[in-house]
Amino acid sequence: MRIGYIRVSEDEQNEDLQIDALKQAGCEKIYKDHGVSGSQIKRTGLDKLFKKLTNGDTLVVWKLDRLGRSTSHLFQLLDHLRQRGIDFHAITQGIDTTTSIGRMLYGQLAVFAEFEREQIRERTKAGMAAAKKRGKHIGRPRKLNDKQVLEAKYFVEQKQKTITSIAKIYGVSTQTLSKAIKECNQIAGCK
């Protein structure tokens, strides 16, 4: 039996391309993980899939990185499949572990996949550092703007209002407000 596995790492990503490719490859059943990073070892869809696979089955993925991101994890999964008599096929890379060339390609591509992921991570970190140097905020949008933080800081310092009452006015938690004021106090010129 050919069984497919789909993974998309972001909730807004579409899995249709993978579904079409797996159906065209003859998959009778398809398991999926939606909004899950490939670096996570525990995945609900993948766990269900591994319970279903039996000797003689073939696990099919659209692309190698859909199954896993790190070389060690991919080799661990491949070894687990091989021990259970389960073949593996990555459609876009043409990897088919029923052949010696397919096993060799699998090993090489797993190394390149990890290398690519590391390159992306390094570029992302460098881009974030450059953006921070330019004064850009990295991360989730702030709940309070600079004017609100300065007003809150003033009212607290003048003992006109409590942190709790100000937090209620702005609709944030006391922790969020306290952290914003603390960050403001650490910046020279935040008055």
C-alpha atoms as a PDB file:
ATOM      1  CA  MET A   1       0.000   0.000   0.000  1.00  0.00           C
ATOM      2  CA  ARG A   2       1.286   3.488  -0.854  1.00  0.00           C
ATOM      3  CA  ILE A   3       0.608   5.910   1.990  1.00  0.00           C
ATOM      4  CA  GLY A   4       1.294   9.631   1.724  1.00  0.00           C
ATOM      5  CA  TYR A   5       2.349  12.217   4.268  1.00  0.00           C
ATOM      6  CA  ILE A   6       1.829  15.982   3.995  1.00  0.00           C
ATOM      7  CA  ARG A   7       3.215  18.701   6.244  1.00  0.00           C
ATOM      8  CA  VAL A   8       2.842  22.453   5.979  1.00  0.00           C
ATOM      9  CA  SER A   9       4.568  24.560   8.596  1.00  0.00           C
ATOM     10  CA  GLU A  10       2.315  27.613   8.544  1.00  0.00           C
ATOM     11  CA  ASP A  11      -1.432  27.701   9.062  1.00  0.00           C
ATOM     12  CA  GLU A  12      -1.950  29.890   5.999  1.00  0.00           C
ATOM     13  CA  GLN A  13       0.028  27.601   3.675  1.00  0.00           C
ATOM     14  CA  ASN A  14      -1.910  25.492   1.201  1.00  0.00           C
ATOM     15  CA  GLU A  15      -1.408  21.755   0.958  1.00  0.00           C
ATOM     16  CA  ASP A  16      -3.181  21.214  -2.404  1.00  0.00           C
ATOM     17  CA  LEU A  17       0.055  20.841  -4.391  1.00  0.00           C
ATOM     18  CA  GLN A  18       1.235  18.058  -2.095  1.00  0.00           C
ATOM     19  CA  ILE A  19      -2.170  16.314  -2.119  1.00  0.00           C
ATOM     20  CA  ASP A  20      -2.302  16.330  -5.937  1.00  0.00           C
ATOM     21  CA  ALA A  21       1.242  14.931  -6.208  1.00  0.00           C
ATOM     22  CA  LEU A  22       0.573  12.165  -3.665  1.00  0.00           C
ATOM     23  CA  LYS A  23      -2.666  11.145  -5.353  1.00  0.00           C
ATOM     24  CA  GLN A  24      -0.902  11.064  -8.718  1.00  0.00           C
ATOM     25  CA  ALA A  25       1.782   8.853  -7.125  1.00  0.00           C
ATOM     26  CA  GLY A  26      -0.923   6.344  -6.220  1.00  0.00           C
ATOM     27  CA  CYS A  27      -1.332   6.995  -2.503  1.00  0.00           C
ATOM     28  CA  GLU A  28      -4.424   5.281  -1.150  1.00  0.00           C
ATOM     29  CA  LYS A  29      -4.349   7.126   2.174  1.00  0.00           C
ATOM     30  CA  ILE A  30      -2.809  10.481   3.123  1.00  0.00           C
ATOM     31  CA  TYR A  31      -1.891  11.693   6.612  1.00  0.00           C
ATOM     32  CA  LYS A  32      -1.158  15.340   7.346  1.00  0.00           C
ATOM     33  CA  ASP A  33       0.245  17.787   9.851  1.00  0.00           C
ATOM     34  CA  HIS A  34      -0.886  21.372   9.308  1.00  0.00           C
ATOM     35  CA  GLY A  35       0.944  24.307  10.919  1.00  0.00           C
ATOM     36  CA  VAL A  36       3.750  22.106  12.266  1.00  0.00           C
ATOM     37  CA  SER A  37       7.477  22.667  11.832  1.00  0.00           C
ATOM     38  CA  GLY A  38       9.540  19.865  10.344  1.00  0.00           C
ATOM     39  CA  SER A  39      11.996  20.261  13.206  1.00  0.00           C
ATOM     40  CA  GLN A  40       9.373  18.908  15.624  1.00  0.00           C
ATOM     41  CA  ILE A  41       9.876  15.205  16.124  1.00  0.00           C
ATOM     42  CA  LYS A  42       6.449  14.578  17.685  1.00  0.00           C
ATOM     43  CA  ARG A  43       3.704  15.243  15.130  1.00  0.00           C
ATOM     44  CA  THR A  44       0.146  13.914  15.397  1.00  0.00           C
ATOM     45  CA  GLY A  45      -0.279  13.045  11.716  1.00  0.00           C
ATOM     46  CA  LEU A  46       3.166  11.473  11.461  1.00  0.00           C
ATOM     47  CA  ASP A  47       2.585   9.423  14.624  1.00  0.00           C
ATOM     48  CA  LYS A  48      -0.745   8.116  13.265  1.00  0.00           C
ATOM     49  CA  LEU A  49       0.948   7.325   9.950  1.00  0.00           C
ATOM     50  CA  PHE A  50       3.712   5.298  11.589  1.00  0.00           C
ATOM     51  CA  LYS A  51       1.127   3.258  13.491  1.00  0.00           C
ATOM     52  CA  LYS A  52      -0.656   2.460  10.194  1.00  0.00           C
ATOM     53  CA  LEU A  53       2.420   1.504   8.124  1.00  0.00           C
ATOM     54  CA  THR A  54       3.148  -2.220   7.799  1.00  0.00           C
ATOM     55  CA  ASN A  55       5.769  -4.396   6.124  1.00  0.00           C
ATOM     56  CA  GLY A  56       5.670  -3.912   2.344  1.00  0.00           C
ATOM     57  CA  ASP A  57       4.054  -0.441   2.446  1.00  0.00           C
ATOM     58  CA  THR A  58       5.664   2.596   0.854  1.00  0.00           C
ATOM     59  CA  LEU A  59       5.687   5.977   2.589  1.00  0.00           C
ATOM     60  CA  VAL A  60       5.430   8.734  -0.033  1.00  0.00           C
ATOM     61  CA  VAL A  61       6.160  12.427   0.490  1.00  0.00           C
ATOM     62  CA  TRP A  62       6.109  15.282  -2.002  1.00  0.00           C
ATOM     63  CA  LYS A  63       9.519  16.527  -0.915  1.00  0.00           C
ATOM     64  CA  LEU A  64      12.131  15.226   1.505  1.00  0.00           C
ATOM     65  CA  ASP A  65      11.893  18.199   3.862  1.00  0.00           C
ATOM     66  CA  ARG A  66       8.182  17.452   4.438  1.00  0.00           C
ATOM     67  CA  LEU A  67       9.232  14.433   6.494  1.00  0.00           C
ATOM     68  CA  GLY A  68      12.004  16.035   8.537  1.00  0.00           C
ATOM     69  CA  ARG A  69      14.569  18.809   8.591  1.00  0.00           C
ATOM     70  CA  SER A  70      17.638  17.496  10.377  1.00  0.00           C
ATOM     71  CA  THR A  71      19.899  14.846   8.904  1.00  0.00           C
ATOM     72  CA  SER A  72      19.920  12.816  12.094  1.00  0.00           C
ATOM     73  CA  HIS A  73      16.111  12.803  12.345  1.00  0.00           C
ATOM     74  CA  LEU A  74      15.689  11.863   8.669  1.00  0.00           C
ATOM     75  CA  PHE A  75      18.174   9.004   8.971  1.00  0.00           C
ATOM     76  CA  GLN A  76      16.472   7.852  12.164  1.00  0.00           C
ATOM     77  CA  LEU A  77      13.104   7.762  10.364  1.00  0.00           C
ATOM     78  CA  LEU A  78      14.588   6.019   7.319  1.00  0.00           C
ATOM     79  CA  ASP A  79      16.268   3.418   9.515  1.00  0.00           C
ATOM     80  CA  HIS A  80      13.009   2.860  11.397  1.00  0.00           C
ATOM     81  CA  LEU A  81      11.175   2.370   8.085  1.00  0.00           C
ATOM     82  CA  ARG A  82      13.863   0.011   6.758  1.00  0.00           C
ATOM     83  CA  GLN A  83      13.765  -2.102   9.947  1.00  0.00           C
ATOM     84  CA  ARG A  84      10.013  -2.506   9.538  1.00  0.00           C
ATOM     85  CA  GLY A  85      10.291  -3.404   5.840  1.00  0.00           C
ATOM     86  CA  ILE A  86       8.728  -0.129   4.675  1.00  0.00           C
ATOM     87  CA  ASP A  87       9.971   1.644   1.543  1.00  0.00           C
ATOM     88  CA  PHE A  88      10.270   5.418   1.130  1.00  0.00           C
ATOM     89  CA  HIS A  89       9.656   7.625  -1.888  1.00  0.00           C
ATOM     90  CA  ALA A  90      10.258  11.396  -2.142  1.00  0.00           C
ATOM     91  CA  ILE A  91       8.513  12.426  -5.361  1.00  0.00           C
ATOM     92  CA  THR A  92      10.286  15.657  -6.365  1.00  0.00           C
ATOM     93  CA  GLN A  93      13.769  14.330  -5.633  1.00  0.00           C
ATOM     94  CA  GLY A  94      13.107  10.935  -7.252  1.00  0.00           C
ATOM     95  CA  ILE A  95      14.310   9.127  -4.148  1.00  0.00           C
ATOM     96  CA  ASP A  96      13.094   5.561  -3.917  1.00  0.00           C
ATOM     97  CA  THR A  97      14.713   3.449  -1.188  1.00  0.00           C
ATOM     98  CA  THR A  98      13.975   0.222  -3.029  1.00  0.00           C
ATOM     99  CA  THR A  99      17.051   0.983  -5.150  1.00  0.00           C
ATOM    100  CA  SER A 100      20.681   1.452  -4.100  1.00  0.00           C
ATOM    101  CA  ILE A 101      20.864   4.716  -6.052  1.00  0.00           C
ATOM    102  CA  GLY A 102      17.731   5.921  -4.279  1.00  0.00           C
ATOM    103  CA  ARG A 103      19.295   5.167  -0.882  1.00  0.00           C
ATOM    104  CA  MET A 104      22.464   7.025  -1.885  1.00  0.00           C
ATOM    105  CA  LEU A 105      20.506  10.052  -3.144  1.00  0.00           C
ATOM    106  CA  TYR A 106      18.462  10.076   0.037  1.00  0.00           C
ATOM    107  CA  GLY A 107      21.609  10.351   2.134  1.00  0.00           C
ATOM    108  CA  GLN A 108      23.071  13.133   0.021  1.00  0.00           C
ATOM    109  CA  LEU A 109      19.863  15.155  -0.144  1.00  0.00           C
ATOM    110  CA  ALA A 110      19.334  14.891   3.592  1.00  0.00           C
ATOM    111  CA  VAL A 111      22.734  16.518   4.105  1.00  0.00           C
ATOM    112  CA  PHE A 112      21.888  19.284   1.627  1.00  0.00           C
ATOM    113  CA  ALA A 113      18.469  19.845   3.233  1.00  0.00           C
ATOM    114  CA  GLU A 114      20.073  20.405   6.613  1.00  0.00           C
ATOM    115  CA  PHE A 115      22.721  22.672   5.076  1.00  0.00           C
ATOM    116  CA  GLU A 116      20.010  24.753   3.384  1.00  0.00           C
ATOM    117  CA  ARG A 117      18.053  25.060   6.628  1.00  0.00           C
ATOM    118  CA  GLU A 118      21.180  26.282   8.436  1.00  0.00           C
ATOM    119  CA  GLN A 119      21.814  28.827   5.679  1.00  0.00           C
ATOM    120  CA  ILE A 120      18.239  30.125   5.974  1.00  0.00           C
ATOM    121  CA  ARG A 121      18.574  30.357   9.748  1.00  0.00           C
ATOM    122  CA  GLU A 122      21.853  32.298   9.467  1.00  0.00           C
ATOM    123  CA  ARG A 123      20.402  34.709   6.874  1.00  0.00           C
ATOM    124  CA  THR A 124      17.310  35.239   9.011  1.00  0.00           C
ATOM    125  CA  LYS A 125      19.388  36.018  12.104  1.00  0.00           C
ATOM    126  CA  ALA A 126      21.603  38.397  10.133  1.00  0.00           C
ATOM    127  CA  GLY A 127      18.557  40.158   8.677  1.00  0.00           C
ATOM    128  CA  MET A 128      16.953  40.504  12.095  1.00  0.00           C
ATOM    129  CA  ALA A 129      20.172  41.888  13.588  1.00  0.00           C
ATOM    130  CA  ALA A 130      20.452  44.442  10.770  1.00  0.00           C
ATOM    131  CA  ALA A 131      16.807  45.457  11.221  1.00  0.00           C
ATOM    132  CA  LYS A 132      17.321  45.855  14.980  1.00  0.00           C
ATOM    133  CA  LYS A 133      20.347  48.100  14.355  1.00  0.00           C
ATOM    134  CA  ARG A 134      18.114  50.281  12.184  1.00  0.00           C
ATOM    135  CA  GLY A 135      15.687  50.547  15.105  1.00  0.00           C
ATOM    136  CA  LYS A 136      13.044  48.145  13.780  1.00  0.00           C
ATOM    137  CA  HIS A 137      11.027  46.130  16.273  1.00  0.00           C
ATOM    138  CA  ILE A 138      11.466  42.379  15.826  1.00  0.00           C
ATOM    139  CA  GLY A 139       8.740  40.017  16.968  1.00  0.00           C
ATOM    140  CA  ARG A 140       5.077  40.404  17.701  1.00  0.00           C
ATOM    141  CA  PRO A 141       3.594  43.877  17.338  1.00  0.00           C
ATOM    142  CA  ARG A 142       3.738  45.905  20.515  1.00  0.00           C
ATOM    143  CA  LYS A 143       0.479  46.351  22.364  1.00  0.00           C
ATOM    144  CA  LEU A 144       1.390  49.849  23.494  1.00  0.00           C
ATOM    145  CA  ASN A 145       2.770  52.656  21.377  1.00  0.00           C
ATOM    146  CA  ASP A 146       5.543  54.975  22.588  1.00  0.00           C
ATOM    147  CA  LYS A 147       3.109  57.736  23.578  1.00  0.00           C
ATOM    148  CA  GLN A 148       1.080  55.350  25.743  1.00  0.00           C
ATOM    149  CA  VAL A 149       4.196  54.060  27.479  1.00  0.00           C
ATOM    150  CA  LEU A 150       5.432  57.591  28.174  1.00  0.00           C
ATOM    151  CA  GLU A 151       2.008  58.608  29.544  1.00  0.00           C
ATOM    152  CA  ALA A 152       1.867  55.521  31.746  1.00  0.00           C
ATOM    153  CA  LYS A 153       5.413  56.138  32.969  1.00  0.00           C
ATOM    154  CA  TYR A 154       4.532  59.732  33.842  1.00  0.00           C
ATOM    155  CA  PHE A 155       1.348  58.770  35.772  1.00  0.00           C
ATOM    156  CA  VAL A 156       3.186  56.075  37.728  1.00  0.00           C
ATOM    157  CA  GLU A 157       6.153  58.311  38.549  1.00  0.00           C
ATOM    158  CA  GLN A 158       3.827  61.138  39.649  1.00  0.00           C
ATOM    159  CA  LYS A 159       1.810  58.590  41.661  1.00  0.00           C
ATOM    160  CA  GLN A 160      -1.361  59.786  39.932  1.00  0.00           C
ATOM    161  CA  LYS A 161      -2.452  56.290  38.899  1.00  0.00           C
ATOM    162  CA  THR A 162      -1.498  52.699  39.643  1.00  0.00           C
ATOM    163  CA  ILE A 163      -0.045  50.262  37.134  1.00  0.00           C
ATOM    164  CA  THR A 164      -3.246  48.194  37.456  1.00  0.00           C
ATOM    165  CA  SER A 165      -5.553  51.121  36.660  1.00  0.00           C
ATOM    166  CA  ILE A 166      -3.425  52.240  33.697  1.00  0.00           C
ATOM    167  CA  ALA A 167      -3.250  48.676  32.352  1.00  0.00           C
ATOM    168  CA  LYS A 168      -7.068  48.501  32.438  1.00  0.00           C
ATOM    169  CA  ILE A 169      -7.331  51.788  30.536  1.00  0.00           C
ATOM    170  CA  TYR A 170      -5.040  50.514  27.764  1.00  0.00           C
ATOM    171  CA  GLY A 171      -6.497  47.000  27.799  1.00  0.00           C
ATOM    172  CA  VAL A 172      -3.231  45.225  28.573  1.00  0.00           C
ATOM    173  CA  SER A 173      -1.979  43.128  31.452  1.00  0.00           C
ATOM    174  CA  THR A 174      -0.050  44.715  34.309  1.00  0.00           C
ATOM    175  CA  GLN A 175       2.945  42.605  33.254  1.00  0.00           C
ATOM    176  CA  THR A 176       2.869  44.040  29.729  1.00  0.00           C
ATOM    177  CA  LEU A 177       2.672  47.593  31.033  1.00  0.00           C
ATOM    178  CA  SER A 178       5.378  47.074  33.672  1.00  0.00           C
ATOM    179  CA  LYS A 179       7.700  45.527  31.076  1.00  0.00           C
ATOM    180  CA  ALA A 180       7.106  48.422  28.658  1.00  0.00           C
ATOM    181  CA  ILE A 181       7.865  50.991  31.357  1.00  0.00           C
ATOM    182  CA  LYS A 182      10.974  49.058  32.429  1.00  0.00           C
ATOM    183  CA  GLU A 183      12.222  48.937  28.815  1.00  0.00           C
ATOM    184  CA  CYS A 184      11.519  52.647  28.449  1.00  0.00           C
ATOM    185  CA  ASN A 185      13.544  53.386  31.609  1.00  0.00           C
ATOM    186  CA  GLN A 186      16.516  51.487  30.139  1.00  0.00           C
ATOM    187  CA  ILE A 187      16.558  53.644  27.001  1.00  0.00           C
ATOM    188  CA  ALA A 188      18.468  56.892  27.258  1.00  0.00           C
ATOM    189  CA  GLY A 189      16.214  59.772  26.342  1.00  0.00           C
ATOM    190  CA  CYS A 190      12.944  58.021  27.226  1.00  0.00           C
ATOM    191  CA  LYS A 191      11.329  60.869  29.132  1.00  0.00           C
END
